[in-house]
Protein backbone atom coordinates (compact mmCIF):
# COMPACT_ATOMS: atom_id res chain seq x y z
CA MET A 1 45.93 71.76 -11.70
CA VAL A 2 42.54 73.49 -11.42
CA ALA A 3 40.97 73.59 -8.15
CA LEU A 4 37.10 73.34 -7.74
CA LYS A 5 35.81 74.89 -4.59
CA LYS A 6 33.28 72.96 -2.32
CA TYR A 7 30.61 74.72 -0.45
CA ASP A 8 27.87 73.73 1.82
CA LEU A 9 24.05 74.94 1.58
CA HIS A 10 24.86 77.99 3.70
CA GLY A 11 27.63 79.10 1.07
CA LYS A 12 30.66 78.30 3.49
CA GLU A 13 33.69 77.06 1.69
CA LEU A 14 34.63 73.89 2.73
CA GLY A 15 37.67 73.10 0.74
CA SER A 16 38.54 72.28 -3.01
CA VAL A 17 38.92 69.34 -5.21
CA GLU A 18 41.92 69.33 -7.95
CA VAL A 19 41.21 68.54 -11.31
CA ASP A 20 44.16 67.08 -13.39
CA ASP A 21 45.16 69.16 -16.35
CA ALA A 22 45.28 66.25 -18.50
CA LEU A 23 41.39 65.96 -18.34
CA LEU A 24 41.01 69.50 -19.55
CA GLN A 25 42.81 69.25 -22.73
CA SER A 26 39.67 68.30 -24.88
CA THR A 27 39.52 69.83 -28.21
CA ALA A 28 36.65 70.25 -30.54
CA HIS A 29 36.27 72.05 -33.92
CA PRO A 30 34.14 75.23 -33.57
CA GLN A 31 32.07 74.32 -36.55
CA SER A 32 31.15 70.72 -34.89
CA ILE A 33 30.11 72.37 -31.85
CA LYS A 34 27.93 74.77 -33.85
CA ASP A 35 26.43 71.88 -35.68
CA TYR A 36 25.82 69.91 -32.64
CA LEU A 37 24.11 72.92 -30.83
CA VAL A 38 21.89 73.82 -33.94
CA ALA A 39 20.86 70.05 -34.24
CA ILE A 40 19.76 70.15 -30.66
CA ARG A 41 17.56 72.89 -31.33
CA ASN A 42 16.13 71.64 -34.55
CA ASN A 43 15.25 68.35 -32.88
CA ALA A 44 13.57 70.07 -30.22
CA ARG A 45 11.01 71.72 -32.65
CA GLN A 46 7.54 70.22 -32.90
CA TRP A 47 7.31 70.99 -36.48
CA SER A 48 3.34 70.91 -36.22
CA ALA A 49 2.39 74.37 -37.45
CA ASN A 50 -0.13 73.87 -40.06
CA THR A 51 -2.24 76.25 -42.22
CA LYS A 52 -5.10 75.63 -44.41
CA THR A 53 -4.93 76.47 -48.35
CA ARG A 54 -7.64 77.83 -50.47
CA ALA A 55 -8.91 74.41 -51.27
CA GLN A 56 -9.10 73.47 -47.51
CA VAL A 57 -10.94 76.38 -46.00
CA ASN A 58 -14.50 75.61 -45.39
CA ARG A 59 -16.24 78.67 -47.08
CA THR A 60 -19.08 78.96 -49.57
CA GLY A 61 -18.44 78.61 -53.30
CA ARG A 62 -20.55 81.31 -54.46
CA LYS A 63 -19.23 84.42 -55.96
CA PRO A 64 -19.09 87.52 -53.61
CA HIS A 65 -20.77 89.67 -56.14
CA PRO A 66 -21.76 89.35 -59.82
CA GLN A 67 -19.16 89.20 -62.44
CA LYS A 68 -20.18 92.15 -64.42
CA GLY A 69 -22.37 95.18 -64.17
CA GLN A 70 -21.03 96.77 -60.75
CA GLY A 71 -17.82 98.04 -61.82
CA ARG A 72 -15.96 96.16 -59.36
CA SER A 73 -13.09 93.69 -60.13
CA ARG A 74 -14.14 90.14 -60.66
CA GLN A 75 -13.87 87.78 -57.73
CA GLY A 76 -14.23 83.89 -57.55
CA ASP A 77 -15.17 82.94 -54.09
CA LEU A 78 -14.76 84.04 -50.38
CA ALA A 79 -11.93 81.50 -49.84
CA ALA A 80 -9.42 83.49 -51.56
CA PRO A 81 -6.36 84.58 -49.61
CA HIS A 82 -7.10 88.30 -49.79
CA TYR A 83 -10.35 87.76 -48.11
CA THR A 84 -10.71 87.51 -44.06
CA GLY A 85 -10.67 83.94 -43.20
CA GLY A 86 -9.54 82.55 -46.58
CA GLY A 87 -6.73 80.37 -47.59
CA ILE A 88 -3.11 80.96 -46.54
CA VAL A 89 -0.48 81.26 -49.25
CA PHE A 90 2.71 79.31 -48.71
CA GLY A 91 1.83 78.91 -45.06
CA PRO A 92 3.69 76.37 -42.88
CA LYS A 93 2.91 72.72 -43.11
CA PRO A 94 3.78 69.76 -40.83
CA LYS A 95 7.18 68.11 -41.64
CA PHE A 96 8.15 64.48 -41.09
CA ASP A 97 11.59 62.88 -40.75
CA ILE A 98 13.33 66.19 -39.83
CA HIS A 99 15.42 64.51 -37.08
CA VAL A 100 19.11 65.54 -37.38
CA ARG A 101 21.47 62.83 -36.63
CA ILE A 102 24.23 63.65 -34.16
CA ASN A 103 27.50 61.88 -34.39
CA ARG A 104 28.10 60.21 -31.01
CA LYS A 105 31.91 61.07 -31.02
CA GLU A 106 31.28 64.66 -32.11
CA ARG A 107 28.69 64.87 -29.39
CA ARG A 108 30.92 63.66 -26.74
CA ALA A 109 33.91 65.86 -27.80
CA ALA A 110 31.75 68.79 -27.77
CA ILE A 111 30.47 68.10 -24.30
CA ARG A 112 34.04 67.63 -23.08
CA PHE A 113 35.18 70.57 -24.52
CA LEU A 114 32.47 72.87 -23.04
CA ILE A 115 32.72 71.36 -19.61
CA ALA A 116 36.56 71.94 -19.88
CA GLU A 117 36.00 75.68 -20.67
CA LYS A 118 33.82 76.00 -17.68
CA VAL A 119 36.33 74.31 -15.39
CA LYS A 120 39.27 76.62 -16.87
CA ASP A 121 37.22 79.70 -16.35
CA GLN A 122 36.58 78.74 -12.55
CA ARG A 123 32.76 78.59 -13.14
CA VAL A 124 32.20 75.08 -11.87
CA HIS A 125 31.51 74.58 -8.22
CA ILE A 126 30.82 71.62 -5.83
CA LEU A 127 27.98 71.56 -3.36
CA GLN A 128 27.88 69.26 -0.41
CA HIS A 129 24.32 68.00 -0.45
CA VAL A 130 22.44 67.18 2.55
CA LYS A 131 19.45 65.02 1.97
CA MET A 132 16.32 67.12 2.51
CA ARG A 133 13.36 65.86 4.50
CA ALA A 134 11.01 68.25 2.61
CA PRO A 135 11.34 70.72 -0.20
CA LYS A 136 12.98 74.24 0.90
CA THR A 137 13.00 76.66 -1.94
CA LYS A 138 14.35 79.38 0.51
CA THR A 139 17.26 77.33 1.46
CA LEU A 140 18.56 77.15 -2.34
CA ALA A 141 17.56 80.60 -2.95
CA ALA A 142 19.56 81.90 -0.12
CA PHE A 143 22.47 79.73 -1.35
CA PHE A 144 22.44 81.02 -4.67
CA ASP A 145 22.21 84.71 -3.44
CA HIS A 146 25.17 84.15 -1.12
CA MET A 147 27.26 82.76 -4.19
CA GLN A 148 26.01 85.87 -6.07
CA PHE A 149 24.25 83.66 -8.68
CA LYS A 150 21.17 85.69 -8.45
CA GLY A 151 19.69 86.25 -11.91
CA ARG A 152 22.20 83.94 -13.60
CA ARG A 153 21.62 80.76 -15.44
CA ILE A 154 22.62 77.85 -13.34
CA LEU A 155 22.92 74.23 -14.38
CA VAL A 156 22.94 71.82 -11.23
CA LEU A 157 24.09 68.38 -11.88
CA GLY A 158 23.19 65.21 -9.63
CA GLU A 159 24.15 61.61 -10.10
CA SER A 160 22.03 59.16 -11.68
CA PRO A 161 19.89 56.70 -9.68
CA ALA A 162 22.04 53.70 -11.20
CA ALA A 163 25.33 55.22 -9.91
CA ALA A 164 23.58 55.90 -6.59
CA GLY A 165 22.38 52.41 -6.30
CA GLU A 166 18.87 53.45 -6.11
CA MET A 167 15.70 53.19 -8.14
CA GLU A 168 14.66 56.57 -8.24
CA ASN A 169 16.26 59.93 -8.20
CA PRO A 170 17.81 60.28 -4.63
CA HIS A 171 17.41 64.15 -4.57
CA GLN A 172 13.56 64.37 -5.19
CA ASN A 173 13.24 67.15 -2.39
CA PHE A 174 16.16 68.95 -3.60
CA VAL A 175 14.79 69.07 -7.21
CA LYS A 176 11.49 70.29 -6.05
CA SER A 177 13.25 73.10 -4.16
CA LEU A 178 15.06 74.22 -7.22
CA ARG A 179 12.30 74.04 -9.65
CA ASN A 180 10.69 77.01 -8.60
CA LEU A 181 13.61 79.32 -8.95
CA PRO A 182 14.19 81.10 -12.43
CA LYS A 183 17.02 80.32 -14.52
CA LYS A 184 17.93 77.32 -12.53
CA GLU A 185 17.96 73.97 -14.25
CA TYR A 186 18.68 70.32 -12.69
CA ALA A 187 19.89 67.47 -14.83
CA LEU A 188 21.62 64.15 -14.00
CA VAL A 189 25.03 63.97 -15.38
CA PRO A 190 24.31 61.25 -18.09
CA GLN A 191 21.64 63.60 -19.43
CA ILE A 192 23.71 66.77 -19.83
CA ASN A 193 23.64 68.26 -23.47
CA GLY A 194 25.75 70.86 -25.06
CA TYR A 195 23.12 73.26 -25.27
CA SER A 196 22.48 73.59 -21.48
CA LEU A 197 26.08 73.66 -20.98
CA ALA A 198 26.41 76.55 -23.30
CA LEU A 199 23.59 78.53 -21.82
CA ALA A 200 24.62 77.88 -18.14
CA GLN A 201 26.93 80.78 -16.68
CA HIS A 202 27.93 78.47 -13.88
CA ILE A 203 27.64 74.81 -13.17
CA VAL A 204 27.07 73.51 -9.57
CA ILE A 205 27.70 69.91 -9.04
CA LEU A 206 26.53 67.78 -6.15
CA ASP A 207 29.44 66.20 -4.26
CA THR A 208 27.84 62.87 -4.72
CA ALA A 209 27.85 63.20 -8.45
CA LEU A 210 31.47 64.45 -8.87
CA ASN A 211 33.02 61.07 -9.79
CA GLU A 212 30.52 60.75 -12.53
CA PHE A 213 30.89 64.22 -13.69
CA LEU A 214 34.64 63.73 -13.92
CA SER A 215 34.28 60.52 -15.90
CA VAL A 216 32.66 62.50 -18.65
CA LEU A 217 35.96 64.15 -19.03
CA GLY A 218 37.71 60.87 -19.21
CA ALA A 219 38.73 60.21 -15.78
CA SER A 220 38.84 56.64 -14.57
């Protein structure tokens, strides 16, 4: 059994929640995890970089100087690559259909494995969330300072609106309080991906999202 400690917004420990060892036996091949993370990064690229070739540059077509009689090397036009403002040789072009398909089973296995590793390393914490009436960045900043998470990359997870029985995110003010803090990221449990998990040094779960979070590991 691994115990996840529970805290309030003041950093006071309220107890712990035990996670069954059977939920932490997830395995995934290192190469499949690497391929999954690389695919996430590739799919996030815009692939919109574009350069003009010599034929596309809008320059005059006249010769820079006479072909002969001046002792200089012959030149064709000012759109040549070696002139300032000329065309680019072998420059980047927009690419299409570069999306890398990620196998669903491999993606779920990688996410379960990365979460299980964080749980085993005691880097997953539970936060008792009290509904905020207004955004309070100082409150969350004080909490992370008390937990000695200052300067560390933290992933905060909340439950989806469907799980909460609401149409919108039930933690709007909480999210607004968090978004001005550096290296602190908020995500809904169904939206977590392996890249965010791999970057995060610690994971903070709102207590209302705990059951949904454990279901990712396979809990009923």
